[in-house]
């Protein structure tokens, strides 16, 4: 909507909060914007370039005329190659960390790295809430060092803290690129020493056998339960539910596909049947759903092909695994029955990689199958490869 942003407009229905955020663009000064949030917050912005806008201030703190005056100065600074907020009261950027994440970094992620963008923004908002109201340029490496120490003291592991700081670094990199700040404060935060291998949990042969037996027993129970249910329906003239020829639900196919391909849970839940090529015996994880953003092709072994063929004949969904979230409760119950302890869904992926390493498959091949961007993550499985180091040392005995 385009209109004159004025005190009169602010008191009309046109500037009243609605169910969704909306913007009013000033018809007097190009780039001057009033953004209205469903929460009732109304804020002035000025757009100085494509996908680059600067927060000016909130309605109530600034009048429309004051906001327009600041917008004009910011546009002048930008046009002459100066910092947009040079000479502007209220801080060098005029934007808090929370506002920058919401208004600039989130749209940037949606456009450049849509897979996982929402989760990244959610993590940033939750982890750095204490710094959210600070001016972007006022956050220092000292602030982040203190934040880091507090997180560690609160029980967070070094790897978790490091994972929190990585996306925050991306926020400040973008702010620096947009010339809102001079330096990235995360770059000066001392890196935590992390165990390169870390906790690597994978199924032992006996645990995998137990898990498979438990899944089969669960399927058999659900199949018989459906048969009894349909008999009850038939006796009363009711419509029958679909027959379950192989599996009780999607849990067993999901577990076995993960064990045989090493796909991540997020990749699995977005996998479509069009990505499964039974003729070439290949599963394709598209770049749009892969964590790395790169498409990869995973060969399918006989076990995976058998499961996929059976599940394809039973499932009528376009998605291979037609559920929206995860198998948290059902998988936890199966693990209890199988007597498999301290095990997460992601450890199915570790099991896939560990079995390959134990059978002498080159680390770089495992990296390719897992879809790791670099070899660093894959090297955690290197110690499981056939131990040539012992043979090397024994040469000294000759």
Protein backbone atom coordinates (compact mmCIF):
# COMPACT_ATOMS: atom_id res chain seq x y z
CA UNK A 1 0.00 0.00 0.00
CA UNK A 2 1.23 3.52 -0.83
CA UNK A 3 0.05 6.54 1.17
CA UNK A 4 1.29 9.62 3.01
CA UNK A 5 2.76 8.42 6.31
CA UNK A 6 1.42 10.97 8.77
CA UNK A 7 -0.07 11.35 12.23
CA UNK A 8 -3.48 11.29 10.60
CA UNK A 9 -2.75 7.98 8.85
CA UNK A 10 -1.60 6.40 12.12
CA UNK A 11 -5.06 6.97 13.58
CA UNK A 12 -6.92 5.38 10.67
CA UNK A 13 -7.94 1.77 10.07
CA UNK A 14 -5.34 1.55 7.28
CA UNK A 15 -2.53 1.52 9.86
CA UNK A 16 -4.29 -0.75 12.36
CA UNK A 17 -2.63 -4.17 13.09
CA UNK A 18 -4.04 -7.11 11.12
CA UNK A 19 -3.62 -10.90 11.18
CA UNK A 20 -0.45 -10.66 9.10
CA UNK A 21 2.38 -8.08 8.94
CA UNK A 22 1.98 -5.42 6.27
CA UNK A 23 3.77 -2.31 5.07
CA UNK A 24 2.78 1.19 3.97
CA UNK A 25 5.18 2.98 1.63
CA UNK A 26 5.34 6.75 1.82
CA UNK A 27 4.20 8.61 -1.31
CA UNK A 28 6.34 11.62 -0.41
CA UNK A 29 9.77 10.08 0.20
CA UNK A 30 10.65 6.97 -1.80
CA UNK A 31 12.02 4.22 0.47
CA UNK A 32 10.35 5.46 3.67
CA UNK A 33 8.23 2.58 5.07
CA UNK A 34 5.88 1.97 7.98
CA UNK A 35 5.78 -1.72 8.98
CA UNK A 36 2.82 -2.90 11.08
CA UNK A 37 3.03 -6.18 13.03
CA UNK A 38 0.07 -8.29 14.27
CA UNK A 39 1.39 -7.73 17.80
CA UNK A 40 0.64 -4.02 17.45
CA UNK A 41 4.26 -2.92 16.99
CA UNK A 42 4.62 -0.24 14.31
CA UNK A 43 8.08 0.67 13.09
CA UNK A 44 9.63 3.07 10.58
CA UNK A 45 12.17 1.71 8.07
CA UNK A 46 14.00 3.11 5.09
CA UNK A 47 14.99 0.95 2.13
CA UNK A 48 18.37 2.05 0.78
CA UNK A 49 18.96 -0.78 -1.71
CA UNK A 50 17.42 -4.00 -2.88
CA UNK A 51 17.05 -6.38 0.08
CA UNK A 52 18.69 -3.78 2.34
CA UNK A 53 16.66 -1.69 4.71
CA UNK A 54 17.53 0.15 7.90
CA UNK A 55 15.34 0.36 10.98
CA UNK A 56 14.69 3.98 11.98
CA UNK A 57 12.57 3.72 15.11
CA UNK A 58 9.18 2.90 16.58
CA UNK A 59 5.94 4.81 16.25
CA UNK A 60 5.48 6.71 19.48
CA UNK A 61 9.20 7.26 19.88
CA UNK A 62 9.38 9.17 16.59
CA UNK A 63 6.69 11.15 14.82
CA UNK A 64 6.12 10.46 11.12
CA UNK A 65 7.88 13.70 10.20
CA UNK A 66 10.88 12.83 12.40
CA UNK A 67 11.02 9.36 10.86
CA UNK A 68 10.88 10.82 7.36
CA UNK A 69 13.66 13.28 8.20
CA UNK A 70 15.90 10.49 9.44
CA UNK A 71 15.06 8.40 6.38
CA UNK A 72 16.11 11.31 4.15
CA UNK A 73 19.46 11.62 5.98
CA UNK A 74 20.10 7.87 5.74
CA UNK A 75 19.38 7.89 2.01
CA UNK A 76 21.77 10.84 1.63
CA UNK A 77 24.52 9.02 3.54
CA UNK A 78 24.09 5.95 1.37
CA UNK A 79 24.11 7.98 -1.83
CA UNK A 80 27.44 9.59 -0.86
CA UNK A 81 29.06 6.31 0.19
CA UNK A 82 28.95 7.01 3.90
CA UNK A 83 27.76 4.72 6.67
CA UNK A 84 23.92 4.90 6.46
CA UNK A 85 23.61 6.02 10.08
CA UNK A 86 26.47 8.52 10.22
CA UNK A 87 25.22 11.45 12.24
CA UNK A 88 21.95 9.73 13.13
CA UNK A 89 21.02 9.75 16.82
CA UNK A 90 20.34 6.46 18.58
CA UNK A 91 23.36 4.36 17.72
CA UNK A 92 25.44 3.56 14.68
CA UNK A 93 23.04 1.01 13.22
CA UNK A 94 19.78 1.92 14.88
CA UNK A 95 18.89 -1.79 14.79
CA UNK A 96 18.89 -4.28 17.62
CA UNK A 97 20.18 -7.83 17.18
CA UNK A 98 16.62 -9.21 17.32
CA UNK A 99 15.33 -6.71 14.78
CA UNK A 100 18.19 -7.40 12.37
CA UNK A 101 17.64 -11.16 12.61
CA UNK A 102 13.91 -10.78 12.00
CA UNK A 103 13.95 -8.09 9.31
CA UNK A 104 17.17 -8.76 7.41
CA UNK A 105 18.89 -12.03 8.28
CA UNK A 106 15.76 -14.21 8.17
CA UNK A 107 14.74 -13.08 4.63
CA UNK A 108 18.38 -13.48 3.57
CA UNK A 109 18.41 -17.11 4.77
CA UNK A 110 15.04 -17.82 3.14
CA UNK A 111 16.44 -16.65 -0.18
CA UNK A 112 19.91 -18.20 -0.02
CA UNK A 113 19.59 -21.26 2.24
CA UNK A 114 15.89 -22.11 2.58
CA UNK A 115 16.52 -25.60 3.93
CA UNK A 116 16.76 -25.15 7.69
CA UNK A 117 16.36 -21.35 7.65
CA UNK A 118 13.41 -21.35 10.06
CA UNK A 119 15.24 -23.63 12.52
CA UNK A 120 18.34 -21.42 12.40
CA UNK A 121 16.36 -18.26 13.13
CA UNK A 122 14.52 -20.01 15.96
CA UNK A 123 17.81 -21.15 17.49
CA UNK A 124 19.32 -17.66 17.25
CA UNK A 125 16.28 -16.04 18.82
CA UNK A 126 16.21 -18.51 21.72
CA UNK A 127 19.95 -18.66 22.44
CA UNK A 128 20.72 -14.94 22.24
CA UNK A 129 17.58 -13.55 23.84
CA UNK A 130 19.68 -11.76 26.47
CA UNK A 131 21.42 -9.77 23.72
CA UNK A 132 18.35 -9.29 21.56
CA UNK A 133 17.61 -5.71 22.62
CA UNK A 134 21.21 -4.56 22.25
CA UNK A 135 22.19 -2.36 19.33
CA UNK A 136 23.87 -4.49 16.69
CA UNK A 137 27.04 -2.40 16.67
CA UNK A 138 27.21 -2.35 20.47
CA UNK A 139 27.69 -6.11 20.89
CA UNK A 140 31.36 -6.89 21.49
CA UNK A 141 33.49 -10.02 21.62
CA UNK A 142 33.63 -9.46 25.39
CA UNK A 143 29.84 -9.73 25.57
CA UNK A 144 29.98 -12.98 23.66
CA UNK A 145 32.80 -14.34 25.83
CA UNK A 146 30.65 -13.69 28.90
CA UNK A 147 27.67 -15.32 27.18
CA UNK A 148 29.84 -18.35 26.34
CA UNK A 149 31.09 -18.75 29.91
CA UNK A 150 27.54 -18.48 31.28
CA UNK A 151 26.29 -21.14 28.84
CA UNK A 152 29.08 -23.54 29.81
CA UNK A 153 28.47 -22.89 33.50
CA UNK A 154 24.80 -23.67 32.92
CA UNK A 155 25.65 -27.14 31.68
CA UNK A 156 25.83 -26.69 27.90
CA UNK A 157 28.51 -28.76 26.18
CA UNK A 158 31.33 -27.08 24.24
CA UNK A 159 30.00 -28.50 20.97
CA UNK A 160 26.53 -27.06 21.66
CA UNK A 161 27.97 -23.63 22.44
CA UNK A 162 30.05 -23.75 19.27
CA UNK A 163 26.96 -24.68 17.22
CA UNK A 164 25.16 -21.68 18.71
CA UNK A 165 27.96 -19.27 17.80
CA UNK A 166 28.27 -20.43 14.18
CA UNK A 167 24.92 -19.02 12.95
CA UNK A 168 25.47 -15.85 15.03
CA UNK A 169 28.68 -15.33 13.12
CA UNK A 170 26.60 -15.51 9.94
CA UNK A 171 24.38 -12.71 11.28
CA UNK A 172 27.34 -10.39 11.89
CA UNK A 173 28.98 -11.31 8.58
CA UNK A 174 25.86 -10.15 6.77
CA UNK A 175 25.72 -6.96 8.86
CA UNK A 176 29.36 -6.27 7.99
CA UNK A 177 28.71 -6.94 4.31
CA UNK A 178 25.87 -4.41 4.43
CA UNK A 179 28.29 -1.93 6.04
CA UNK A 180 26.27 -1.68 9.23
CA UNK A 181 29.22 -2.73 11.42
CA UNK A 182 32.98 -2.63 10.99
CA UNK A 183 33.91 -6.04 12.46
CA UNK A 184 32.39 -9.41 13.29
CA UNK A 185 32.69 -9.81 17.11
CA UNK A 186 32.26 -13.59 16.90
CA UNK A 187 35.59 -13.81 15.04
CA UNK A 188 37.45 -12.69 18.19
CA UNK A 189 35.74 -15.14 20.55
CA UNK A 190 38.16 -17.86 21.64
CA UNK A 191 37.30 -21.14 19.92
CA UNK A 192 36.40 -24.01 22.20
CA UNK A 193 38.47 -27.16 22.05
CA UNK A 194 36.24 -29.91 20.72
CA UNK A 195 36.77 -33.65 20.53
CA UNK A 196 36.96 -34.33 16.79
CA UNK A 197 35.42 -37.78 17.26
CA UNK A 198 33.06 -36.96 20.11
CA UNK A 199 30.29 -39.29 21.12
CA UNK A 200 29.84 -41.87 18.36
CA UNK A 201 26.99 -44.24 19.16
CA UNK A 202 26.15 -46.97 16.70
CA UNK A 203 24.41 -50.33 16.89
CA UNK A 204 26.42 -53.43 17.65
CA UNK A 205 25.50 -56.48 15.56
CA UNK A 206 23.49 -57.95 18.46
CA UNK A 207 21.68 -54.65 19.05
CA UNK A 208 20.77 -54.32 15.38
CA UNK A 209 19.47 -57.89 15.34
CA UNK A 210 17.38 -57.18 18.44
CA UNK A 211 16.02 -53.97 16.90
CA UNK A 212 15.02 -55.74 13.70
CA UNK A 213 13.28 -58.55 15.62
CA UNK A 214 11.40 -56.04 17.77
CA UNK A 215 10.27 -54.06 14.71
CA UNK A 216 9.06 -57.24 13.00
CA UNK A 217 7.11 -58.26 16.12
CA UNK A 218 5.56 -54.79 16.31
CA UNK A 219 4.49 -54.96 12.66
CA UNK A 220 2.99 -58.42 13.17
CA UNK A 221 1.01 -57.13 16.15
CA UNK A 222 -0.30 -54.12 14.20
CA UNK A 223 -1.20 -56.26 11.18
CA UNK A 224 -3.19 -58.69 13.32
CA UNK A 225 -4.80 -55.76 15.11
CA UNK A 226 -5.96 -54.39 11.74
CA UNK A 227 -7.28 -57.81 10.74
CA UNK A 228 -9.33 -58.07 13.93
CA UNK A 229 -10.57 -54.52 13.44
CA UNK A 230 -11.70 -55.24 9.89
CA UNK A 231 -13.47 -58.41 10.99
CA UNK A 232 -15.36 -56.36 13.58
CA UNK A 233 -16.26 -53.82 10.88
CA UNK A 234 -17.33 -56.51 8.41
CA UNK A 235 -19.62 -58.13 10.98
CA UNK A 236 -21.38 -54.78 11.41
CA UNK A 237 -21.52 -53.84 7.75
CA UNK A 238 -19.01 -51.02 8.08
CA UNK A 239 -16.40 -50.05 5.46
CA UNK A 240 -13.07 -51.83 5.89
CA UNK A 241 -9.75 -50.15 6.56
CA UNK A 242 -6.85 -50.79 4.11
CA UNK A 243 -5.14 -54.16 4.52
CA UNK A 244 -1.61 -54.07 5.96
CA UNK A 245 0.33 -56.69 3.96
CA UNK A 246 3.82 -55.99 5.26
CA UNK A 247 4.16 -53.23 7.87
CA UNK A 248 2.00 -51.87 10.64
CA UNK A 249 2.98 -48.29 9.79
CA UNK A 250 5.93 -46.28 8.45
CA UNK A 251 8.29 -46.87 11.40
CA UNK A 252 9.99 -50.06 10.19
CA UNK A 253 10.51 -48.81 6.61
CA UNK A 254 11.92 -45.53 7.98
CA UNK A 255 14.37 -47.32 10.31
CA UNK A 256 15.56 -49.79 7.67
CA UNK A 257 15.92 -47.12 4.98
CA UNK A 258 17.99 -45.04 7.40
CA UNK A 259 20.17 -47.99 8.36
CA UNK A 260 20.87 -48.82 4.71
CA UNK A 261 21.30 -45.33 3.24
CA UNK A 262 22.44 -43.08 6.08
CA UNK A 263 19.98 -40.32 5.13
CA UNK A 264 19.19 -37.72 7.76
CA UNK A 265 15.71 -37.73 9.30
CA UNK A 266 14.88 -34.37 7.71
CA UNK A 267 15.94 -35.67 4.30
CA UNK A 268 13.96 -38.87 4.79
CA UNK A 269 10.73 -37.08 5.70
CA UNK A 270 10.94 -34.93 2.55
CA UNK A 271 11.85 -37.82 0.23
CA UNK A 272 9.38 -38.47 -2.61
CA UNK A 273 8.85 -41.66 -4.55
CA UNK A 274 9.99 -39.86 -7.69
CA UNK A 275 13.45 -39.78 -6.10
CA UNK A 276 13.59 -43.57 -5.80
CA UNK A 277 14.76 -45.24 -9.02
CA UNK A 278 14.14 -48.96 -8.73
CA UNK A 279 15.63 -49.63 -12.17
CA UNK A 280 19.01 -48.03 -11.44
CA UNK A 281 18.70 -48.98 -7.75
CA UNK A 282 19.44 -45.44 -6.62
CA UNK A 283 17.95 -43.02 -4.11
CA UNK A 284 18.39 -39.30 -4.85
CA UNK A 285 18.49 -36.72 -2.06
CA UNK A 286 17.83 -33.39 -3.77
CA UNK A 287 19.82 -30.30 -2.93
CA UNK A 288 16.67 -28.54 -1.76
CA UNK A 289 16.23 -30.99 1.11
CA UNK A 290 19.88 -31.89 1.81
CA UNK A 291 21.63 -30.16 4.72
CA UNK A 292 24.60 -29.36 2.49
CA UNK A 293 22.35 -27.96 -0.22
CA UNK A 294 23.90 -30.36 -2.74
CA UNK A 295 22.14 -33.23 -4.49
CA UNK A 296 23.59 -36.68 -3.88
CA UNK A 297 22.79 -40.14 -5.20
CA UNK A 298 22.87 -43.11 -2.82
CA UNK A 299 23.01 -46.65 -4.25
CA UNK A 300 20.44 -49.01 -2.75
CA UNK A 301 21.42 -52.44 -1.46
CA UNK A 302 19.15 -55.50 -1.57
CA UNK A 303 17.72 -54.90 1.92
CA UNK A 304 16.77 -51.30 1.14
CA UNK A 305 15.27 -52.23 -2.22
CA UNK A 306 13.16 -54.97 -0.68
CA UNK A 307 11.81 -52.65 2.02
CA UNK A 308 11.12 -49.86 -0.45
CA UNK A 309 9.29 -52.17 -2.88
CA UNK A 310 7.11 -53.60 -0.13
CA UNK A 311 6.39 -50.19 1.38
CA UNK A 312 5.66 -48.70 -2.08
CA UNK A 313 2.97 -51.31 -2.69
CA UNK A 314 1.43 -50.56 0.73
CA UNK A 315 1.83 -46.77 0.88
CA UNK A 316 -0.40 -44.52 -1.17
CA UNK A 317 1.43 -41.28 -0.38
CA UNK A 318 3.51 -39.16 -2.71
CA UNK A 319 6.06 -38.91 0.09
CA UNK A 320 8.03 -42.06 0.87
CA UNK A 321 7.45 -41.58 4.58
CA UNK A 322 4.15 -39.73 4.86
CA UNK A 323 4.43 -38.15 8.31
CA UNK A 324 5.03 -34.53 9.23
CA UNK A 325 7.32 -34.61 12.27
CA UNK A 326 9.14 -37.69 13.58
CA UNK A 327 8.83 -41.10 15.26
CA UNK A 328 9.92 -39.91 18.68
CA UNK A 329 7.42 -41.85 20.83
CA UNK A 330 7.10 -45.00 18.73
CA UNK A 331 10.87 -45.28 18.19
CA UNK A 332 11.56 -44.77 21.90
CA UNK A 333 9.12 -47.59 22.75
CA UNK A 334 10.80 -49.94 20.26
CA UNK A 335 14.23 -49.18 21.71
CA UNK A 336 12.96 -50.06 25.19
CA UNK A 337 11.54 -53.38 23.96
CA UNK A 338 14.74 -54.13 22.03
CA UNK A 339 16.84 -53.28 25.11
CA UNK A 340 18.88 -50.73 23.13
CA UNK A 341 19.96 -47.92 25.45
CA UNK A 342 21.35 -44.42 24.94
CA UNK A 343 20.42 -44.34 21.27
CA UNK A 344 18.94 -41.55 19.10
CA UNK A 345 17.46 -41.61 15.62
CA UNK A 346 20.55 -39.86 14.22
CA UNK A 347 22.62 -42.80 15.48
CA UNK A 348 21.09 -44.88 12.68
CA UNK A 349 23.14 -42.68 10.36
CA UNK A 350 26.20 -43.30 12.53
CA UNK A 351 25.51 -47.04 12.28
CA UNK A 352 25.40 -46.87 8.47
CA UNK A 353 28.74 -45.04 8.30
CA UNK A 354 30.39 -47.13 11.01
CA UNK A 355 29.54 -50.42 9.30
CA UNK A 356 31.03 -49.14 6.05
CA UNK A 357 34.22 -48.02 7.81
CA UNK A 358 34.54 -51.37 9.60
CA UNK A 359 34.36 -53.13 6.23
CA UNK A 360 37.21 -51.08 4.82
CA UNK A 361 35.26 -48.63 2.63
CA UNK A 362 37.45 -45.54 1.96
CA UNK A 363 36.61 -42.52 4.10
CA UNK A 364 36.09 -40.31 1.05
CA UNK A 365 33.47 -42.71 -0.31
CA UNK A 366 31.68 -42.63 3.05
CA UNK A 367 31.82 -38.82 2.96
CA UNK A 368 30.16 -38.84 -0.46
CA UNK A 369 27.41 -41.22 0.66
CA UNK A 370 26.69 -39.19 3.81
CA UNK A 371 26.69 -35.90 1.94
CA UNK A 372 29.26 -34.21 4.16
CA UNK A 373 30.55 -30.94 2.67
CA UNK A 374 34.06 -31.57 3.99
CA UNK A 375 36.05 -34.59 5.12
CA UNK A 376 36.32 -33.30 8.70
CA UNK A 377 32.97 -34.70 9.86
CA UNK A 378 33.59 -38.06 8.19
CA UNK A 379 36.97 -38.53 9.83
CA UNK A 380 35.21 -39.39 13.09
CA UNK A 381 34.66 -42.86 11.58
CA UNK A 382 38.29 -43.34 10.51
CA UNK A 383 39.28 -45.11 13.72
CA UNK A 384 36.79 -47.88 12.92
CA UNK A 385 38.55 -48.84 9.70
CA UNK A 386 40.65 -52.04 9.68
CA UNK A 387 43.60 -51.19 11.89
CA UNK A 388 46.63 -50.78 9.62
CA UNK A 389 48.40 -48.76 12.30
CA UNK A 390 49.18 -51.84 14.37
CA UNK A 391 50.69 -53.57 11.36
CA UNK A 392 52.75 -50.46 10.63
CA UNK A 393 54.20 -50.36 14.14
CA UNK A 394 54.98 -54.10 14.04
CA UNK A 395 57.39 -53.42 11.18
CA UNK A 396 59.73 -52.00 13.84
CA UNK A 397 60.03 -55.49 15.32
CA UNK A 398 61.66 -56.85 12.18
